[in-house]
Amino acid sequence: MIRDLITKNRSYRRFHQDCPVSLDTLRELVDLARLSASATNKQPLKYMLFCDPDRNAMVFSTLAWAASLKDWPGPSEGERPSAYIIILEDKGLSNPYVKYDVGIAAQSILIGATEMGLGGCMIAAIKREKLREKLAIPASCEIVLVVALGKPKEEVVIDEVSPSGDTTYWRDGDNVHHVPKRSLENIIVE
């Protein structure tokens, strides 16, 4: 079952914007992150939750989408996320290993979202100062990552990496999003 969740958990960038994600759902997802491993158990991460269209628009305006899709500016109105979780680092609780905590927390959130029939995307391309200003994020917190969430409106498939070794994701003529993955044999060192 966990294999199915991990395989289905892709980076979705287009959503059914009219399908809401509740605050209670976001709280459940953050609870999964809270219960996940934390380096030296410092638990330096804090979370801001957004599922209101007006506040979602503020968050959306500070994000860049899909660097490998050069001619795509991001999801259009009607295909934008229904919710966001902003992951913050509380500088007063931080440690040199916080980057691991962020990955573990974000993956826990996304696996939980997948189990709920949702999808999401981790976004690090953020206009951080603009986001800080719009949302009055305190200086004691570093903006680390935004997790966009909603009901996926696109198909994402896994492909084998081509013989050229290119791992760049791409979309075909039917707007199916392709994600090349290396084979198991190519990543195990014997």
N, C-alpha and C. Protein backbone atom coordinates (compact mmCIF):
# COMPACT_ATOMS: atom_id res chain seq x y z
N MET A 1 0.82 -1.20 0.00
CA MET A 1 0.00 0.00 0.00
C MET A 1 0.86 1.26 0.00
N ILE A 2 1.92 1.32 0.79
CA ILE A 2 2.77 2.51 0.80
C ILE A 2 3.40 2.73 -0.57
N ARG A 3 3.75 1.64 -1.27
CA ARG A 3 4.32 1.77 -2.62
C ARG A 3 3.32 2.46 -3.56
N ASP A 4 2.04 2.09 -3.45
CA ASP A 4 1.02 2.72 -4.28
C ASP A 4 0.92 4.22 -3.99
N LEU A 5 0.96 4.58 -2.71
CA LEU A 5 0.88 6.00 -2.34
C LEU A 5 2.09 6.77 -2.88
N ILE A 6 3.27 6.20 -2.72
CA ILE A 6 4.48 6.88 -3.18
C ILE A 6 4.48 7.01 -4.70
N THR A 7 4.05 5.97 -5.39
CA THR A 7 3.99 6.01 -6.85
C THR A 7 2.97 7.03 -7.34
N LYS A 8 1.85 7.14 -6.65
CA LYS A 8 0.80 8.08 -7.04
C LYS A 8 1.14 9.52 -6.62
N ASN A 9 1.99 9.68 -5.63
CA ASN A 9 2.38 11.00 -5.15
C ASN A 9 3.35 11.64 -6.13
N ARG A 10 2.86 12.45 -7.02
CA ARG A 10 3.68 13.15 -8.01
C ARG A 10 3.59 14.63 -7.73
N SER A 11 4.39 15.42 -8.40
CA SER A 11 4.29 16.88 -8.30
C SER A 11 3.22 17.36 -9.27
N TYR A 12 2.04 17.60 -8.73
CA TYR A 12 0.93 18.09 -9.55
C TYR A 12 0.99 19.61 -9.59
N ARG A 13 0.73 20.17 -10.77
CA ARG A 13 0.80 21.62 -10.94
C ARG A 13 -0.49 22.22 -11.50
N ARG A 14 -1.48 21.38 -11.75
CA ARG A 14 -2.79 21.84 -12.19
C ARG A 14 -3.84 21.13 -11.35
N PHE A 15 -4.82 21.92 -10.87
CA PHE A 15 -5.79 21.42 -9.90
C PHE A 15 -7.21 21.82 -10.30
N HIS A 16 -8.19 21.13 -9.73
CA HIS A 16 -9.58 21.56 -9.81
C HIS A 16 -9.74 22.62 -8.71
N GLN A 17 -9.55 23.87 -9.09
CA GLN A 17 -9.55 24.96 -8.12
C GLN A 17 -10.88 25.08 -7.39
N ASP A 18 -11.96 24.63 -8.03
CA ASP A 18 -13.29 24.73 -7.43
C ASP A 18 -13.58 23.62 -6.42
N CYS A 19 -12.63 22.70 -6.22
CA CYS A 19 -12.79 21.65 -5.20
C CYS A 19 -12.03 22.09 -3.95
N PRO A 20 -12.74 22.55 -2.94
CA PRO A 20 -12.07 23.09 -1.77
C PRO A 20 -11.33 22.04 -0.94
N VAL A 21 -10.34 22.50 -0.23
CA VAL A 21 -9.62 21.71 0.78
C VAL A 21 -9.87 22.44 2.10
N SER A 22 -10.40 21.74 3.07
CA SER A 22 -10.79 22.38 4.33
C SER A 22 -9.60 22.66 5.24
N LEU A 23 -9.80 23.57 6.16
CA LEU A 23 -8.79 23.86 7.17
C LEU A 23 -8.54 22.62 8.03
N ASP A 24 -9.59 21.86 8.32
CA ASP A 24 -9.41 20.63 9.10
C ASP A 24 -8.51 19.64 8.36
N THR A 25 -8.66 19.54 7.04
CA THR A 25 -7.79 18.66 6.25
C THR A 25 -6.35 19.13 6.34
N LEU A 26 -6.14 20.43 6.22
CA LEU A 26 -4.77 20.97 6.32
C LEU A 26 -4.18 20.69 7.70
N ARG A 27 -4.98 20.82 8.72
CA ARG A 27 -4.51 20.51 10.08
C ARG A 27 -4.13 19.04 10.22
N GLU A 28 -4.92 18.15 9.62
CA GLU A 28 -4.59 16.71 9.64
C GLU A 28 -3.25 16.46 8.95
N LEU A 29 -3.02 17.14 7.83
CA LEU A 29 -1.77 16.95 7.10
C LEU A 29 -0.58 17.48 7.89
N VAL A 30 -0.74 18.61 8.53
CA VAL A 30 0.35 19.15 9.35
C VAL A 30 0.59 18.24 10.56
N ASP A 31 -0.45 17.62 11.05
CA ASP A 31 -0.26 16.69 12.17
C ASP A 31 0.62 15.52 11.75
N LEU A 32 0.49 15.07 10.49
CA LEU A 32 1.39 14.01 10.00
C LEU A 32 2.84 14.50 10.01
N ALA A 33 3.05 15.73 9.60
CA ALA A 33 4.41 16.30 9.63
C ALA A 33 4.91 16.41 11.07
N ARG A 34 4.04 16.82 11.97
CA ARG A 34 4.41 16.96 13.39
C ARG A 34 4.85 15.64 13.98
N LEU A 35 4.20 14.56 13.58
CA LEU A 35 4.51 13.24 14.12
C LEU A 35 5.71 12.57 13.45
N SER A 36 6.20 13.17 12.38
CA SER A 36 7.32 12.60 11.63
C SER A 36 8.65 12.88 12.34
N ALA A 37 9.68 12.19 11.89
CA ALA A 37 11.02 12.35 12.47
C ALA A 37 11.50 13.79 12.36
N SER A 38 12.31 14.19 13.34
CA SER A 38 12.94 15.52 13.37
C SER A 38 14.35 15.35 13.92
N ALA A 39 15.33 15.88 13.20
CA ALA A 39 16.73 15.75 13.61
C ALA A 39 16.92 16.29 15.03
N THR A 40 17.55 15.53 15.86
CA THR A 40 17.78 15.82 17.28
C THR A 40 16.47 16.16 18.02
N ASN A 41 15.35 15.83 17.41
CA ASN A 41 14.00 16.09 17.93
C ASN A 41 13.78 17.55 18.30
N LYS A 42 14.44 18.48 17.61
CA LYS A 42 14.27 19.92 17.88
C LYS A 42 12.91 20.43 17.45
N GLN A 43 12.33 19.83 16.41
CA GLN A 43 11.03 20.24 15.89
C GLN A 43 10.98 21.74 15.59
N PRO A 44 11.88 22.22 14.70
CA PRO A 44 11.98 23.65 14.43
C PRO A 44 10.99 24.18 13.40
N LEU A 45 10.14 23.34 12.86
CA LEU A 45 9.25 23.78 11.79
C LEU A 45 7.92 24.28 12.32
N LYS A 46 7.44 25.35 11.68
CA LYS A 46 6.12 25.93 11.95
C LYS A 46 5.38 25.94 10.62
N TYR A 47 4.07 26.07 10.66
CA TYR A 47 3.27 25.95 9.45
C TYR A 47 2.19 27.03 9.41
N MET A 48 1.99 27.59 8.23
CA MET A 48 0.87 28.50 7.99
C MET A 48 -0.05 27.81 7.00
N LEU A 49 -1.37 27.87 7.27
CA LEU A 49 -2.35 27.12 6.49
C LEU A 49 -3.28 28.09 5.76
N PHE A 50 -3.53 27.81 4.48
CA PHE A 50 -4.37 28.69 3.67
C PHE A 50 -5.31 27.87 2.81
N CYS A 51 -6.61 28.18 2.89
CA CYS A 51 -7.61 27.54 2.03
C CYS A 51 -8.70 28.52 1.62
N ASP A 52 -8.48 29.79 1.86
CA ASP A 52 -9.40 30.85 1.48
C ASP A 52 -8.94 31.42 0.13
N PRO A 53 -9.85 31.56 -0.85
CA PRO A 53 -9.44 32.02 -2.18
C PRO A 53 -8.66 33.33 -2.21
N ASP A 54 -9.04 34.30 -1.38
CA ASP A 54 -8.32 35.58 -1.40
C ASP A 54 -6.89 35.44 -0.88
N ARG A 55 -6.74 34.71 0.20
CA ARG A 55 -5.38 34.50 0.74
C ARG A 55 -4.57 33.56 -0.15
N ASN A 56 -5.25 32.58 -0.77
CA ASN A 56 -4.56 31.72 -1.74
C ASN A 56 -3.98 32.55 -2.87
N ALA A 57 -4.73 33.54 -3.34
CA ALA A 57 -4.26 34.40 -4.43
C ALA A 57 -3.01 35.16 -4.01
N MET A 58 -2.95 35.58 -2.74
CA MET A 58 -1.75 36.26 -2.26
C MET A 58 -0.55 35.33 -2.31
N VAL A 59 -0.72 34.10 -1.85
CA VAL A 59 0.38 33.13 -1.87
C VAL A 59 0.78 32.84 -3.32
N PHE A 60 -0.21 32.56 -4.16
CA PHE A 60 0.06 32.21 -5.56
C PHE A 60 0.91 33.27 -6.25
N SER A 61 0.64 34.54 -5.97
CA SER A 61 1.35 35.64 -6.64
C SER A 61 2.84 35.69 -6.31
N THR A 62 3.28 34.91 -5.35
CA THR A 62 4.70 34.93 -4.94
C THR A 62 5.47 33.69 -5.39
N LEU A 63 4.82 32.83 -6.18
CA LEU A 63 5.43 31.55 -6.54
C LEU A 63 5.80 31.48 -8.02
N ALA A 64 6.85 30.71 -8.31
CA ALA A 64 7.22 30.38 -9.69
C ALA A 64 6.96 28.89 -9.88
N TRP A 65 6.53 28.52 -11.08
CA TRP A 65 6.07 27.15 -11.33
C TRP A 65 6.89 26.49 -12.43
N ALA A 66 7.29 25.24 -12.23
CA ALA A 66 7.80 24.33 -13.26
C ALA A 66 8.90 24.94 -14.13
N ALA A 67 10.08 25.06 -13.57
CA ALA A 67 11.21 25.65 -14.28
C ALA A 67 11.54 24.94 -15.59
N SER A 68 11.29 23.66 -15.67
CA SER A 68 11.60 22.92 -16.90
C SER A 68 10.58 23.13 -18.01
N LEU A 69 9.43 23.68 -17.68
CA LEU A 69 8.42 23.97 -18.70
C LEU A 69 8.52 25.46 -19.05
N LYS A 70 9.49 25.78 -19.89
CA LYS A 70 9.87 27.17 -20.17
C LYS A 70 8.73 28.04 -20.70
N ASP A 71 7.82 27.46 -21.47
CA ASP A 71 6.74 28.26 -22.07
C ASP A 71 5.44 28.21 -21.27
N TRP A 72 5.49 27.73 -20.04
CA TRP A 72 4.29 27.62 -19.20
C TRP A 72 4.46 28.49 -17.96
N PRO A 73 3.64 29.52 -17.81
CA PRO A 73 3.79 30.44 -16.68
C PRO A 73 3.23 29.93 -15.36
N GLY A 74 2.61 28.77 -15.37
CA GLY A 74 2.00 28.23 -14.16
C GLY A 74 0.52 28.02 -14.39
N PRO A 75 -0.15 27.48 -13.39
CA PRO A 75 -1.57 27.16 -13.56
C PRO A 75 -2.41 28.42 -13.78
N SER A 76 -3.35 28.31 -14.72
CA SER A 76 -4.24 29.43 -15.00
C SER A 76 -5.38 29.45 -13.99
N GLU A 77 -6.10 30.55 -13.96
CA GLU A 77 -7.25 30.66 -13.08
C GLU A 77 -8.19 29.49 -13.36
N GLY A 78 -8.66 28.82 -12.32
CA GLY A 78 -9.49 27.64 -12.44
C GLY A 78 -8.70 26.35 -12.28
N GLU A 79 -7.35 26.47 -12.40
CA GLU A 79 -6.47 25.30 -12.26
C GLU A 79 -5.44 25.50 -11.15
N ARG A 80 -5.66 26.50 -10.34
CA ARG A 80 -4.71 26.82 -9.27
C ARG A 80 -5.02 25.99 -8.02
N PRO A 81 -4.05 25.88 -7.12
CA PRO A 81 -4.28 25.10 -5.89
C PRO A 81 -5.44 25.65 -5.06
N SER A 82 -6.10 24.75 -4.36
CA SER A 82 -7.20 25.13 -3.45
C SER A 82 -6.69 25.45 -2.06
N ALA A 83 -5.43 25.10 -1.80
CA ALA A 83 -4.87 25.30 -0.46
C ALA A 83 -3.35 25.34 -0.53
N TYR A 84 -2.77 25.90 0.51
CA TYR A 84 -1.31 25.94 0.65
C TYR A 84 -0.94 25.70 2.11
N ILE A 85 0.20 25.08 2.28
CA ILE A 85 0.85 25.01 3.58
C ILE A 85 2.24 25.62 3.40
N ILE A 86 2.50 26.67 4.14
CA ILE A 86 3.82 27.29 4.10
C ILE A 86 4.62 26.71 5.26
N ILE A 87 5.78 26.16 4.94
CA ILE A 87 6.65 25.59 5.96
C ILE A 87 7.69 26.64 6.33
N LEU A 88 7.75 26.95 7.63
CA LEU A 88 8.66 27.96 8.17
C LEU A 88 9.66 27.30 9.10
N GLU A 89 10.84 27.85 9.15
CA GLU A 89 11.86 27.42 10.11
C GLU A 89 11.90 28.45 11.24
N ASP A 90 11.59 28.01 12.44
CA ASP A 90 11.70 28.87 13.62
C ASP A 90 13.19 28.97 13.95
N LYS A 91 13.79 30.13 13.68
CA LYS A 91 15.24 30.29 13.85
C LYS A 91 15.69 30.08 15.29
N GLY A 92 14.80 30.27 16.23
CA GLY A 92 15.14 30.05 17.63
C GLY A 92 15.26 28.57 18.00
N LEU A 93 14.73 27.69 17.17
CA LEU A 93 14.78 26.26 17.44
C LEU A 93 15.63 25.50 16.42
N SER A 94 16.19 26.21 15.50
CA SER A 94 16.86 25.58 14.37
C SER A 94 18.14 24.85 14.75
N ASN A 95 18.60 24.03 13.80
CA ASN A 95 19.86 23.31 13.93
C ASN A 95 20.41 23.05 12.53
N PRO A 96 21.63 22.57 12.41
CA PRO A 96 22.22 22.38 11.07
C PRO A 96 21.50 21.33 10.21
N TYR A 97 20.61 20.57 10.79
CA TYR A 97 19.96 19.48 10.07
C TYR A 97 18.53 19.81 9.65
N VAL A 98 18.12 21.06 9.78
CA VAL A 98 16.73 21.43 9.50
C VAL A 98 16.31 21.09 8.07
N LYS A 99 17.25 21.11 7.13
CA LYS A 99 16.89 20.80 5.74
C LYS A 99 16.33 19.39 5.62
N TYR A 100 16.79 18.49 6.46
CA TYR A 100 16.24 17.13 6.43
C TYR A 100 14.82 17.12 6.97
N ASP A 101 14.59 17.86 8.04
CA ASP A 101 13.25 17.95 8.62
C ASP A 101 12.25 18.46 7.58
N VAL A 102 12.66 19.45 6.80
CA VAL A 102 11.77 20.04 5.80
C VAL A 102 11.35 18.99 4.77
N GLY A 103 12.32 18.21 4.27
CA GLY A 103 11.99 17.17 3.30
C GLY A 103 11.08 16.11 3.87
N ILE A 104 11.38 15.69 5.09
CA ILE A 104 10.55 14.67 5.74
C ILE A 104 9.14 15.20 5.97
N ALA A 105 9.01 16.43 6.45
CA ALA A 105 7.69 17.01 6.73
C ALA A 105 6.88 17.17 5.44
N ALA A 106 7.52 17.71 4.41
CA ALA A 106 6.80 17.93 3.15
C ALA A 106 6.35 16.60 2.54
N GLN A 107 7.22 15.61 2.58
CA GLN A 107 6.84 14.30 2.03
C GLN A 107 5.70 13.68 2.85
N SER A 108 5.74 13.83 4.16
CA SER A 108 4.65 13.31 5.00
C SER A 108 3.33 13.98 4.64
N ILE A 109 3.36 15.28 4.44
CA ILE A 109 2.16 16.03 4.04
C ILE A 109 1.64 15.52 2.70
N LEU A 110 2.54 15.35 1.74
CA LEU A 110 2.11 14.94 0.40
C LEU A 110 1.62 13.49 0.35
N ILE A 111 2.25 12.61 1.11
CA ILE A 111 1.76 11.22 1.17
C ILE A 111 0.37 11.20 1.81
N GLY A 112 0.18 11.98 2.86
CA GLY A 112 -1.14 12.07 3.49
C GLY A 112 -2.17 12.65 2.53
N ALA A 113 -1.79 13.66 1.78
CA ALA A 113 -2.70 14.25 0.80
C ALA A 113 -3.08 13.23 -0.27
N THR A 114 -2.10 12.46 -0.71
CA THR A 114 -2.37 11.43 -1.72
C THR A 114 -3.37 10.41 -1.19
N GLU A 115 -3.19 10.00 0.04
CA GLU A 115 -4.12 9.04 0.65
C GLU A 115 -5.54 9.60 0.71
N MET A 116 -5.66 10.93 0.82
CA MET A 116 -6.97 11.59 0.89
C MET A 116 -7.56 11.89 -0.50
N GLY A 117 -6.86 11.49 -1.55
CA GLY A 117 -7.34 11.77 -2.90
C GLY A 117 -6.94 13.13 -3.42
N LEU A 118 -6.02 13.78 -2.73
CA LEU A 118 -5.51 15.08 -3.14
C LEU A 118 -4.13 14.92 -3.77
N GLY A 119 -3.59 16.00 -4.24
CA GLY A 119 -2.23 16.01 -4.76
C GLY A 119 -1.60 17.33 -4.41
N GLY A 120 -0.31 17.42 -4.67
CA GLY A 120 0.35 18.67 -4.34
C GLY A 120 1.69 18.81 -5.02
N CYS A 121 2.34 19.90 -4.68
CA CYS A 121 3.64 20.20 -5.26
C CYS A 121 4.45 21.00 -4.24
N MET A 122 5.70 20.58 -4.01
CA MET A 122 6.61 21.35 -3.17
C MET A 122 7.20 22.46 -4.03
N ILE A 123 7.15 23.68 -3.53
CA ILE A 123 7.65 24.82 -4.29
C ILE A 123 8.67 25.57 -3.44
N ALA A 124 9.88 25.68 -3.99
CA ALA A 124 10.94 26.44 -3.32
C ALA A 124 11.25 27.74 -4.05
N ALA A 125 10.71 27.90 -5.27
CA ALA A 125 10.91 29.13 -6.04
C ALA A 125 9.86 30.14 -5.57
N ILE A 126 10.23 30.88 -4.53
CA ILE A 126 9.31 31.76 -3.82
C ILE A 126 9.92 33.16 -3.75
N LYS A 127 9.11 34.17 -3.98
CA LYS A 127 9.53 35.55 -3.73
C LYS A 127 9.32 35.76 -2.23
N ARG A 128 10.34 35.39 -1.48
CA ARG A 128 10.19 35.28 -0.02
C ARG A 128 9.87 36.61 0.66
N GLU A 129 10.52 37.67 0.28
CA GLU A 129 10.25 38.95 0.96
C GLU A 129 8.85 39.46 0.63
N LYS A 130 8.42 39.24 -0.60
CA LYS A 130 7.06 39.62 -0.98
C LYS A 130 6.04 38.81 -0.18
N LEU A 131 6.28 37.50 -0.04
CA LEU A 131 5.38 36.64 0.74
C LEU A 131 5.38 37.05 2.21
N ARG A 132 6.56 37.32 2.74
CA ARG A 132 6.68 37.75 4.15
C ARG A 132 5.85 39.01 4.39
N GLU A 133 5.98 39.96 3.47
CA GLU A 133 5.27 41.24 3.61
C GLU A 133 3.76 41.04 3.50
N LYS A 134 3.31 40.30 2.49
CA LYS A 134 1.87 40.10 2.27
C LYS A 134 1.20 39.41 3.45
N LEU A 135 1.92 38.46 4.08
CA LEU A 135 1.32 37.65 5.14
C LEU A 135 1.80 38.02 6.54
N ALA A 136 2.59 39.06 6.65
CA ALA A 136 3.13 39.51 7.94
C ALA A 136 3.80 38.36 8.70
N ILE A 137 4.67 37.64 7.98
CA ILE A 137 5.40 36.53 8.59
C ILE A 137 6.51 37.12 9.46
N PRO A 138 6.59 36.71 10.72
CA PRO A 138 7.59 37.31 11.62
C PRO A 138 9.03 37.02 11.17
N ALA A 139 9.91 37.95 11.47
CA ALA A 139 11.32 37.82 11.10
C ALA A 139 11.98 36.63 11.79
N SER A 140 11.40 36.15 12.88
CA SER A 140 11.97 35.00 13.60
C SER A 140 11.77 33.69 12.84
N CYS A 141 11.01 33.74 11.75
CA CYS A 141 10.74 32.54 10.95
C CYS A 141 11.27 32.71 9.53
N GLU A 142 12.01 31.73 9.09
CA GLU A 142 12.52 31.69 7.72
C GLU A 142 11.51 30.95 6.85
N ILE A 143 11.15 31.53 5.71
CA ILE A 143 10.25 30.86 4.76
C ILE A 143 11.08 29.82 4.02
N VAL A 144 10.73 28.55 4.16
CA VAL A 144 11.52 27.48 3.58
C VAL A 144 10.88 26.89 2.34
N LEU A 145 9.60 26.57 2.41
CA LEU A 145 8.95 25.83 1.34
C LEU A 145 7.46 26.12 1.36
N VAL A 146 6.85 26.09 0.19
CA VAL A 146 5.40 26.16 0.09
C VAL A 146 4.93 24.84 -0.51
N VAL A 147 3.92 24.25 0.10
CA VAL A 147 3.31 23.04 -0.44
C VAL A 147 1.93 23.44 -0.97
N ALA A 148 1.77 23.36 -2.29
CA ALA A 148 0.50 23.65 -2.94
C ALA A 148 -0.33 22.38 -2.94
N LEU A 149 -1.63 22.50 -2.66
CA LEU A 149 -2.49 21.32 -2.54
C LEU A 149 -3.84 21.52 -3.23
N GLY A 150 -4.40 20.41 -3.68
CA GLY A 150 -5.73 20.43 -4.27
C GLY A 150 -6.04 19.10 -4.91
N LYS A 151 -7.19 19.05 -5.56
CA LYS A 151 -7.56 17.85 -6.30
C LYS A 151 -6.88 17.93 -7.67
N PRO A 152 -6.01 16.97 -8.01
CA PRO A 152 -5.26 17.05 -9.26
C PRO A 152 -6.17 17.11 -10.49
N LYS A 153 -5.75 17.94 -11.44
CA LYS A 153 -6.48 18.09 -12.70
C LYS A 153 -5.61 17.65 -13.88
N GLU A 154 -4.54 16.97 -13.58
CA GLU A 154 -3.66 16.52 -14.65
C GLU A 154 -3.21 15.10 -14.38
N GLU A 155 -2.79 14.46 -15.45
CA GLU A 155 -2.22 13.13 -15.34
C GLU A 155 -0.71 13.26 -15.33
N VAL A 156 -0.08 12.61 -14.36
CA VAL A 156 1.38 12.59 -14.28
C VAL A 156 1.81 11.13 -14.34
N VAL A 157 2.72 10.82 -15.25
CA VAL A 157 3.19 9.44 -15.41
C VAL A 157 4.70 9.36 -15.22
N ILE A 158 5.14 8.20 -14.79
CA ILE A 158 6.56 7.94 -14.61
C ILE A 158 7.08 7.21 -15.84
N ASP A 159 8.19 7.70 -16.38
CA ASP A 159 8.86 7.07 -17.52
C ASP A 159 10.26 6.65 -17.09
N GLU A 160 10.84 5.72 -17.82
CA GLU A 160 12.26 5.38 -17.63
C GLU A 160 13.10 6.53 -18.20
N VAL A 161 14.21 6.83 -17.57
CA VAL A 161 15.14 7.82 -18.11
C VAL A 161 15.63 7.31 -19.47
N SER A 162 15.70 8.21 -20.43
CA SER A 162 16.12 7.84 -21.78
C SER A 162 17.61 7.47 -21.79
N PRO A 163 18.07 6.82 -22.84
CA PRO A 163 19.50 6.46 -22.92
C PRO A 163 20.44 7.67 -22.81
N SER A 164 19.94 8.86 -23.14
CA SER A 164 20.77 10.07 -23.04
C SER A 164 21.01 10.47 -21.58
N GLY A 165 20.18 9.93 -20.66
CA GLY A 165 20.32 10.27 -19.25
C GLY A 165 19.54 11.50 -18.84
N ASP A 166 18.76 12.09 -19.74
CA ASP A 166 18.01 13.31 -19.46
C ASP A 166 16.89 13.01 -18.45
N THR A 167 16.87 13.74 -17.34
CA THR A 167 15.84 13.56 -16.32
C THR A 167 14.83 14.71 -16.31
N THR A 168 14.85 15.56 -17.31
CA THR A 168 13.95 16.71 -17.38
C THR A 168 12.51 16.24 -17.58
N TYR A 169 11.61 16.73 -16.74
CA TYR A 169 10.19 16.40 -16.92
C TYR A 169 9.64 17.22 -18.10
N TRP A 170 8.52 16.72 -18.67
CA TRP A 170 7.98 17.36 -19.86
C TRP A 170 6.50 17.02 -20.01
N ARG A 171 5.83 17.74 -20.88
CA ARG A 171 4.42 17.46 -21.19
C ARG A 171 4.29 17.10 -22.66
N ASP A 172 3.43 16.12 -22.92
CA ASP A 172 3.21 15.72 -24.31
C ASP A 172 2.05 16.53 -24.91
N GLY A 173 1.69 16.22 -26.14
CA GLY A 173 0.63 16.94 -26.85
C GLY A 173 -0.74 16.82 -26.20
N ASP A 174 -0.95 15.78 -25.38
CA ASP A 174 -2.21 15.62 -24.66
C ASP A 174 -2.16 16.22 -23.27
N ASN A 175 -1.10 16.97 -22.99
CA ASN A 175 -0.90 17.64 -21.70
C ASN A 175 -0.66 16.66 -20.55
N VAL A 176 -0.19 15.45 -20.88
CA VAL A 176 0.20 14.49 -19.85
C VAL A 176 1.62 14.86 -19.42
N HIS A 177 1.81 14.94 -18.13
CA HIS A 177 3.10 15.33 -17.55
C HIS A 177 3.95 14.08 -17.35
N HIS A 178 5.14 14.05 -17.94
CA HIS A 178 6.02 12.89 -17.88
C HIS A 178 7.20 13.19 -16.96
N VAL A 179 7.48 12.24 -16.06
CA VAL A 179 8.58 12.38 -15.10
C VAL A 179 9.52 11.20 -15.28
N PRO A 180 10.70 11.43 -15.89
CA PRO A 180 11.66 10.33 -16.04
C PRO A 180 12.29 9.94 -14.71
N LYS A 181 12.37 8.65 -14.45
CA LYS A 181 13.01 8.12 -13.24
C LYS A 181 14.07 7.11 -13.64
N ARG A 182 15.19 7.16 -12.95
CA ARG A 182 16.25 6.18 -13.18
C ARG A 182 15.77 4.80 -12.74
N SER A 183 16.30 3.76 -13.34
CA SER A 183 15.91 2.41 -12.97
C SER A 183 16.55 2.05 -11.63
N LEU A 184 15.98 1.07 -10.95
CA LEU A 184 16.50 0.60 -9.68
C LEU A 184 17.95 0.13 -9.85
N GLU A 185 18.22 -0.56 -10.95
CA GLU A 185 19.58 -1.06 -11.21
C GLU A 185 20.59 0.08 -11.33
N ASN A 186 20.14 1.24 -11.81
CA ASN A 186 21.05 2.36 -11.99
C ASN A 186 21.33 3.16 -10.72
N ILE A 187 20.59 2.90 -9.66
CA ILE A 187 20.84 3.69 -8.44
C ILE A 187 21.40 2.87 -7.28
N ILE A 188 21.42 1.55 -7.43
CA ILE A 188 22.01 0.73 -6.38
C ILE A 188 23.49 0.50 -6.71
N VAL A 189 24.33 0.85 -5.76
CA VAL A 189 25.77 0.68 -5.92
C VAL A 189 26.16 -0.62 -5.24
N GLU A 190 26.82 -1.49 -5.99
CA GLU A 190 27.22 -2.78 -5.41
C GLU A 190 28.70 -2.81 -5.10
